[in-house]
Amino acid sequence: MLNLPIKHLGVLPYSDTLENMLHHIQEGKACELWLLEHLPVYTKGKRSLPEHFRHTNNIPVIPTDRGGQVTYHGPGQLVIYPLLKLTSWGLSPIQLVDLLEISTVQALAKLGITSNGNPEARGVYIAQQKVGSIGLKIKSGYAYHGMAININMDLTPFDAIVPCGDAQMQMTTIKQHSPEHQRFKTIWLDIFLANLFAKRYN
């Protein structure tokens, strides 16, 4: 039976984390699930455009090799990096995206929040406001990068960008919809692991 170590890594700089992910894959290490937060940073996906920045501020901007456009990471946002060798789990890239979305929708439901995915603009939405963003990359058979879920964060930095390339996009946090937002991380992890192992072994 496959094992999946879970690493709770606290608050880390984005650049260091990306370097660690790439090293993990290059070394062919065992699959792991990383849960963390980032210091304030904008990350640019491969489809980011200059016009996706509305104005500049003092938050660093880092190009990255994931899919998608520009987004913001900061404290109070749960960042999930599933470093999974997809063939070991019987997953395609799109199935992993589906699994991340479905697990998030189910976890929000446990807090009494109705949410949904969107096949045209991947992620998770509460009343058409985005609460969870997804951007993956596949390399050497591994998935890396992952999902960011806004739990209890300052959304102001999103004002400086066009989030995910959609000028009409509005962001939200779980705290705005539930006083039990602090429970979300534990709920999400239990649901995601149950869904992942069910997918692998059923």
C-alpha atoms as a PDB file:
ATOM      1  CA  MET A   1       0.000   0.000   0.000  1.00  0.00           C
ATOM      2  CA  LEU A   2       1.301   3.448  -0.863  1.00  0.00           C
ATOM      3  CA  ASN A   3       2.257   5.751   1.946  1.00  0.00           C
ATOM      4  CA  LEU A   4       1.903   9.537   1.728  1.00  0.00           C
ATOM      5  CA  PRO A   5       3.878  11.526   4.310  1.00  0.00           C
ATOM      6  CA  ILE A   6       2.236  14.822   5.250  1.00  0.00           C
ATOM      7  CA  LYS A   7       4.520  17.783   5.928  1.00  0.00           C
ATOM      8  CA  HIS A   8       3.216  20.856   7.764  1.00  0.00           C
ATOM      9  CA  LEU A   9       5.883  23.419   6.889  1.00  0.00           C
ATOM     10  CA  GLY A  10       4.655  26.669   8.416  1.00  0.00           C
ATOM     11  CA  VAL A  11       5.264  29.990   6.644  1.00  0.00           C
ATOM     12  CA  LEU A  12       7.987  29.851   3.978  1.00  0.00           C
ATOM     13  CA  PRO A  13       9.399  32.039   1.203  1.00  0.00           C
ATOM     14  CA  TYR A  14       8.079  31.025  -2.209  1.00  0.00           C
ATOM     15  CA  SER A  15      11.459  30.840  -3.976  1.00  0.00           C
ATOM     16  CA  ASP A  16      12.914  28.435  -1.416  1.00  0.00           C
ATOM     17  CA  THR A  17       9.846  26.222  -1.607  1.00  0.00           C
ATOM     18  CA  LEU A  18       9.919  26.072  -5.405  1.00  0.00           C
ATOM     19  CA  GLU A  19      13.595  25.134  -5.301  1.00  0.00           C
ATOM     20  CA  ASN A  20      12.831  22.400  -2.768  1.00  0.00           C
ATOM     21  CA  MET A  21      10.007  21.026  -4.927  1.00  0.00           C
ATOM     22  CA  LEU A  22      12.255  20.834  -7.983  1.00  0.00           C
ATOM     23  CA  HIS A  23      15.001  19.153  -5.954  1.00  0.00           C
ATOM     24  CA  HIS A  24      12.484  16.638  -4.611  1.00  0.00           C
ATOM     25  CA  ILE A  25      11.456  15.687  -8.145  1.00  0.00           C
ATOM     26  CA  GLN A  26      14.972  15.649  -9.569  1.00  0.00           C
ATOM     27  CA  GLU A  27      16.042  13.268  -6.796  1.00  0.00           C
ATOM     28  CA  GLY A  28      13.041  11.019  -7.498  1.00  0.00           C
ATOM     29  CA  LYS A  29      12.002  11.066  -3.854  1.00  0.00           C
ATOM     30  CA  ALA A  30       8.875   9.405  -2.490  1.00  0.00           C
ATOM     31  CA  CYS A  31       5.503  11.118  -2.873  1.00  0.00           C
ATOM     32  CA  GLU A  32       4.660  13.706  -0.199  1.00  0.00           C
ATOM     33  CA  LEU A  33       1.936  16.232   0.543  1.00  0.00           C
ATOM     34  CA  TRP A  34       3.157  19.650   1.682  1.00  0.00           C
ATOM     35  CA  LEU A  35       0.870  22.074   3.555  1.00  0.00           C
ATOM     36  CA  LEU A  36       2.152  25.578   4.223  1.00  0.00           C
ATOM     37  CA  GLU A  37       1.695  29.310   3.887  1.00  0.00           C
ATOM     38  CA  HIS A  38       3.872  31.739   1.955  1.00  0.00           C
ATOM     39  CA  LEU A  39       5.317  35.102   2.773  1.00  0.00           C
ATOM     40  CA  PRO A  40       3.656  37.760   0.562  1.00  0.00           C
ATOM     41  CA  VAL A  41       4.451  37.136  -3.115  1.00  0.00           C
ATOM     42  CA  TYR A  42       2.927  37.368  -6.577  1.00  0.00           C
ATOM     43  CA  THR A  43       3.615  34.344  -8.776  1.00  0.00           C
ATOM     44  CA  LYS A  44       3.304  34.443 -12.542  1.00  0.00           C
ATOM     45  CA  GLY A  45       2.089  31.355 -14.379  1.00  0.00           C
ATOM     46  CA  LYS A  46       3.096  30.584 -17.954  1.00  0.00           C
ATOM     47  CA  ARG A  47       0.048  32.418 -19.349  1.00  0.00           C
ATOM     48  CA  SER A  48       0.576  35.639 -17.386  1.00  0.00           C
ATOM     49  CA  LEU A  49       0.591  38.885 -19.363  1.00  0.00           C
ATOM     50  CA  PRO A  50       1.994  42.332 -18.462  1.00  0.00           C
ATOM     51  CA  GLU A  51      -1.514  43.766 -18.371  1.00  0.00           C
ATOM     52  CA  HIS A  52      -2.406  41.369 -15.557  1.00  0.00           C
ATOM     53  CA  PHE A  53      -0.600  43.795 -13.207  1.00  0.00           C
ATOM     54  CA  ARG A  54      -2.786  46.810 -12.495  1.00  0.00           C
ATOM     55  CA  HIS A  55      -0.152  48.674 -10.463  1.00  0.00           C
ATOM     56  CA  THR A  56       3.093  47.978  -8.647  1.00  0.00           C
ATOM     57  CA  ASN A  57       3.726  47.728  -4.915  1.00  0.00           C
ATOM     58  CA  ASN A  58       6.463  46.369  -2.668  1.00  0.00           C
ATOM     59  CA  ILE A  59       5.416  42.721  -2.923  1.00  0.00           C
ATOM     60  CA  PRO A  60       7.920  40.654  -4.952  1.00  0.00           C
ATOM     61  CA  VAL A  61       6.931  39.109  -8.286  1.00  0.00           C
ATOM     62  CA  ILE A  62       8.327  35.676  -9.145  1.00  0.00           C
ATOM     63  CA  PRO A  63       7.960  33.933 -12.544  1.00  0.00           C
ATOM     64  CA  THR A  64       7.170  30.249 -12.260  1.00  0.00           C
ATOM     65  CA  ASP A  65       6.628  27.278 -14.533  1.00  0.00           C
ATOM     66  CA  ARG A  66       3.125  26.327 -13.395  1.00  0.00           C
ATOM     67  CA  GLY A  67       0.012  26.710 -15.484  1.00  0.00           C
ATOM     68  CA  GLY A  68      -2.336  29.665 -15.158  1.00  0.00           C
ATOM     69  CA  GLN A  69      -1.745  33.377 -14.848  1.00  0.00           C
ATOM     70  CA  VAL A  70      -0.818  35.617 -11.933  1.00  0.00           C
ATOM     71  CA  THR A  71      -1.948  35.112  -8.349  1.00  0.00           C
ATOM     72  CA  TYR A  72      -1.060  36.233  -4.849  1.00  0.00           C
ATOM     73  CA  HIS A  73       0.104  34.156  -1.886  1.00  0.00           C
ATOM     74  CA  GLY A  74       0.308  35.421   1.668  1.00  0.00           C
ATOM     75  CA  PRO A  75      -0.208  34.489   5.327  1.00  0.00           C
ATOM     76  CA  GLY A  76      -3.662  33.151   6.099  1.00  0.00           C
ATOM     77  CA  GLN A  77      -3.821  31.244   2.813  1.00  0.00           C
ATOM     78  CA  LEU A  78      -3.456  27.458   2.852  1.00  0.00           C
ATOM     79  CA  VAL A  79      -1.076  26.334   0.108  1.00  0.00           C
ATOM     80  CA  ILE A  80      -1.170  22.648  -0.829  1.00  0.00           C
ATOM     81  CA  TYR A  81       1.614  21.032  -2.831  1.00  0.00           C
ATOM     82  CA  PRO A  82       0.831  17.408  -3.776  1.00  0.00           C
ATOM     83  CA  LEU A  83       4.197  16.024  -4.881  1.00  0.00           C
ATOM     84  CA  LEU A  84       2.714  12.901  -6.418  1.00  0.00           C
ATOM     85  CA  LYS A  85       4.046  10.520  -9.031  1.00  0.00           C
ATOM     86  CA  LEU A  86       0.804  10.305 -10.961  1.00  0.00           C
ATOM     87  CA  THR A  87       1.191   6.778 -12.301  1.00  0.00           C
ATOM     88  CA  SER A  88       1.645   5.477  -8.748  1.00  0.00           C
ATOM     89  CA  TRP A  89      -1.772   6.834  -7.830  1.00  0.00           C
ATOM     90  CA  GLY A  90      -3.573   5.994 -11.061  1.00  0.00           C
ATOM     91  CA  LEU A  91      -4.173   9.669 -11.747  1.00  0.00           C
ATOM     92  CA  SER A  92      -4.036  11.851 -14.836  1.00  0.00           C
ATOM     93  CA  PRO A  93      -3.255  15.556 -14.373  1.00  0.00           C
ATOM     94  CA  ILE A  94      -6.900  16.508 -14.898  1.00  0.00           C
ATOM     95  CA  GLN A  95      -8.022  13.878 -12.384  1.00  0.00           C
ATOM     96  CA  LEU A  96      -5.722  15.418  -9.782  1.00  0.00           C
ATOM     97  CA  VAL A  97      -7.230  18.846 -10.492  1.00  0.00           C
ATOM     98  CA  ASP A  98     -10.699  17.318 -10.098  1.00  0.00           C
ATOM     99  CA  LEU A  99      -9.640  15.686  -6.814  1.00  0.00           C
ATOM    100  CA  LEU A 100      -8.341  18.966  -5.393  1.00  0.00           C
ATOM    101  CA  GLU A 101     -11.523  20.788  -6.384  1.00  0.00           C
ATOM    102  CA  ILE A 102     -13.915  18.101  -5.162  1.00  0.00           C
ATOM    103  CA  SER A 103     -12.128  17.740  -1.825  1.00  0.00           C
ATOM    104  CA  THR A 104     -12.304  21.502  -1.289  1.00  0.00           C
ATOM    105  CA  VAL A 105     -16.019  21.665  -2.136  1.00  0.00           C
ATOM    106  CA  GLN A 106     -16.705  18.779   0.259  1.00  0.00           C
ATOM    107  CA  ALA A 107     -14.628  20.350   3.035  1.00  0.00           C
ATOM    108  CA  LEU A 108     -16.427  23.670   2.674  1.00  0.00           C
ATOM    109  CA  ALA A 109     -19.743  21.831   2.874  1.00  0.00           C
ATOM    110  CA  LYS A 110     -18.669  20.521   6.299  1.00  0.00           C
ATOM    111  CA  LEU A 111     -18.590  24.168   7.393  1.00  0.00           C
ATOM    112  CA  GLY A 112     -22.030  24.801   5.916  1.00  0.00           C
ATOM    113  CA  ILE A 113     -20.658  26.629   2.862  1.00  0.00           C
ATOM    114  CA  THR A 114     -22.015  25.918  -0.619  1.00  0.00           C
ATOM    115  CA  SER A 115     -19.317  26.122  -3.297  1.00  0.00           C
ATOM    116  CA  ASN A 116     -18.579  24.808  -6.764  1.00  0.00           C
ATOM    117  CA  GLY A 117     -15.849  24.168  -9.283  1.00  0.00           C
ATOM    118  CA  ASN A 118     -15.838  25.569 -12.809  1.00  0.00           C
ATOM    119  CA  PRO A 119     -14.586  23.486 -15.757  1.00  0.00           C
ATOM    120  CA  GLU A 120     -14.032  26.685 -17.768  1.00  0.00           C
ATOM    121  CA  ALA A 121     -11.944  28.390 -15.056  1.00  0.00           C
ATOM    122  CA  ARG A 122     -10.556  25.803 -12.697  1.00  0.00           C
ATOM    123  CA  GLY A 123     -10.701  26.468  -8.978  1.00  0.00           C
ATOM    124  CA  VAL A 124     -13.369  26.663  -6.288  1.00  0.00           C
ATOM    125  CA  TYR A 125     -15.955  29.437  -5.982  1.00  0.00           C
ATOM    126  CA  ILE A 126     -18.372  30.632  -3.308  1.00  0.00           C
ATOM    127  CA  ALA A 127     -21.224  32.663  -4.833  1.00  0.00           C
ATOM    128  CA  GLN A 128     -19.067  33.300  -7.931  1.00  0.00           C
ATOM    129  CA  GLN A 129     -16.174  34.603  -5.830  1.00  0.00           C
ATOM    130  CA  LYS A 130     -12.950  32.608  -5.950  1.00  0.00           C
ATOM    131  CA  VAL A 131     -11.755  30.983  -2.744  1.00  0.00           C
ATOM    132  CA  GLY A 132      -9.432  28.307  -4.173  1.00  0.00           C
ATOM    133  CA  SER A 133      -6.964  28.606  -7.078  1.00  0.00           C
ATOM    134  CA  ILE A 134      -5.219  25.716  -8.837  1.00  0.00           C
ATOM    135  CA  GLY A 135      -2.069  25.633 -10.946  1.00  0.00           C
ATOM    136  CA  LEU A 136      -0.145  22.419 -11.611  1.00  0.00           C
ATOM    137  CA  LYS A 137       2.942  21.353 -13.495  1.00  0.00           C
ATOM    138  CA  ILE A 138       3.979  17.819 -14.435  1.00  0.00           C
ATOM    139  CA  LYS A 139       7.671  16.949 -14.609  1.00  0.00           C
ATOM    140  CA  SER A 140       9.333  13.525 -14.742  1.00  0.00           C
ATOM    141  CA  GLY A 141       5.919  12.014 -14.018  1.00  0.00           C
ATOM    142  CA  TYR A 142       5.446  14.053 -10.829  1.00  0.00           C
ATOM    143  CA  ALA A 143       2.812  16.671 -10.175  1.00  0.00           C
ATOM    144  CA  TYR A 144       4.008  19.758  -8.362  1.00  0.00           C
ATOM    145  CA  HIS A 145       2.761  23.229  -7.549  1.00  0.00           C
ATOM    146  CA  GLY A 146      -0.863  22.769  -6.474  1.00  0.00           C
ATOM    147  CA  MET A 147      -3.697  24.677  -4.828  1.00  0.00           C
ATOM    148  CA  ALA A 148      -4.082  27.826  -2.719  1.00  0.00           C
ATOM    149  CA  ILE A 149      -7.164  28.279  -0.523  1.00  0.00           C
ATOM    150  CA  ASN A 150      -7.982  31.630   1.085  1.00  0.00           C
ATOM    151  CA  ILE A 151      -8.839  30.892   4.696  1.00  0.00           C
ATOM    152  CA  ASN A 152      -8.230  34.076   6.688  1.00  0.00           C
ATOM    153  CA  MET A 153      -6.010  36.424   4.703  1.00  0.00           C
ATOM    154  CA  ASP A 154      -5.759  40.049   3.680  1.00  0.00           C
ATOM    155  CA  LEU A 155      -7.215  40.199   0.164  1.00  0.00           C
ATOM    156  CA  THR A 156      -5.987  43.749  -0.512  1.00  0.00           C
ATOM    157  CA  PRO A 157      -2.903  42.627  -2.521  1.00  0.00           C
ATOM    158  CA  PHE A 158      -5.210  41.057  -5.102  1.00  0.00           C
ATOM    159  CA  ASP A 159      -6.303  44.594  -6.038  1.00  0.00           C
ATOM    160  CA  ALA A 160      -2.933  45.145  -7.752  1.00  0.00           C
ATOM    161  CA  ILE A 161      -3.427  42.257 -10.192  1.00  0.00           C
ATOM    162  CA  VAL A 162      -5.972  40.650 -12.484  1.00  0.00           C
ATOM    163  CA  PRO A 163      -6.384  37.402 -10.542  1.00  0.00           C
ATOM    164  CA  CYS A 164      -6.084  34.363 -12.795  1.00  0.00           C
ATOM    165  CA  GLY A 165      -6.326  36.649 -15.835  1.00  0.00           C
ATOM    166  CA  ASP A 166     -10.017  37.465 -15.254  1.00  0.00           C
ATOM    167  CA  ALA A 167     -10.672  41.189 -14.876  1.00  0.00           C
ATOM    168  CA  GLN A 168     -14.105  40.488 -13.350  1.00  0.00           C
ATOM    169  CA  MET A 169     -12.787  38.026 -10.761  1.00  0.00           C
ATOM    170  CA  GLN A 170     -13.538  38.749  -7.133  1.00  0.00           C
ATOM    171  CA  MET A 171     -11.758  36.889  -4.364  1.00  0.00           C
ATOM    172  CA  THR A 172     -13.157  35.755  -1.032  1.00  0.00           C
ATOM    173  CA  THR A 173     -12.020  33.967   2.117  1.00  0.00           C
ATOM    174  CA  ILE A 174     -13.535  31.139   4.114  1.00  0.00           C
ATOM    175  CA  LYS A 175     -13.644  33.405   7.173  1.00  0.00           C
ATOM    176  CA  GLN A 176     -16.102  35.673   5.339  1.00  0.00           C
ATOM    177  CA  HIS A 177     -18.537  32.748   5.147  1.00  0.00           C
ATOM    178  CA  SER A 178     -17.978  30.740   8.334  1.00  0.00           C
ATOM    179  CA  PRO A 179     -16.880  31.431  11.918  1.00  0.00           C
ATOM    180  CA  GLU A 180     -15.372  27.912  11.913  1.00  0.00           C
ATOM    181  CA  HIS A 181     -12.725  28.716   9.290  1.00  0.00           C
ATOM    182  CA  GLN A 182      -9.909  27.549  11.585  1.00  0.00           C
ATOM    183  CA  ARG A 183     -11.195  23.975  11.262  1.00  0.00           C
ATOM    184  CA  PHE A 184     -10.886  23.946   7.495  1.00  0.00           C
ATOM    185  CA  LYS A 185      -7.309  22.703   7.144  1.00  0.00           C
ATOM    186  CA  THR A 186      -7.906  19.566   9.229  1.00  0.00           C
ATOM    187  CA  ILE A 187     -11.219  18.862   7.507  1.00  0.00           C
ATOM    188  CA  TRP A 188      -9.711  19.337   4.050  1.00  0.00           C
ATOM    189  CA  LEU A 189      -6.764  17.056   4.749  1.00  0.00           C
ATOM    190  CA  ASP A 190      -8.967  14.203   6.001  1.00  0.00           C
ATOM    191  CA  ILE A 191     -11.270  14.464   2.977  1.00  0.00           C
ATOM    192  CA  PHE A 192      -8.472  14.774   0.415  1.00  0.00           C
ATOM    193  CA  LEU A 193      -6.616  11.742   1.762  1.00  0.00           C
ATOM    194  CA  ALA A 194      -9.823   9.682   1.826  1.00  0.00           C
ATOM    195  CA  ASN A 195     -10.599  10.661  -1.765  1.00  0.00           C
ATOM    196  CA  LEU A 196      -7.031  10.064  -2.938  1.00  0.00           C
ATOM    197  CA  PHE A 197      -6.754   6.585  -1.454  1.00  0.00           C
ATOM    198  CA  ALA A 198     -10.273   5.681  -2.607  1.00  0.00           C
ATOM    199  CA  LYS A 199      -9.276   6.641  -6.128  1.00  0.00           C
ATOM    200  CA  ARG A 200      -6.105   4.571  -5.926  1.00  0.00           C
ATOM    201  CA  TYR A 201      -7.473   1.396  -4.393  1.00  0.00           C
ATOM    202  CA  ASN A 202     -11.092   1.152  -5.559  1.00  0.00           C
END
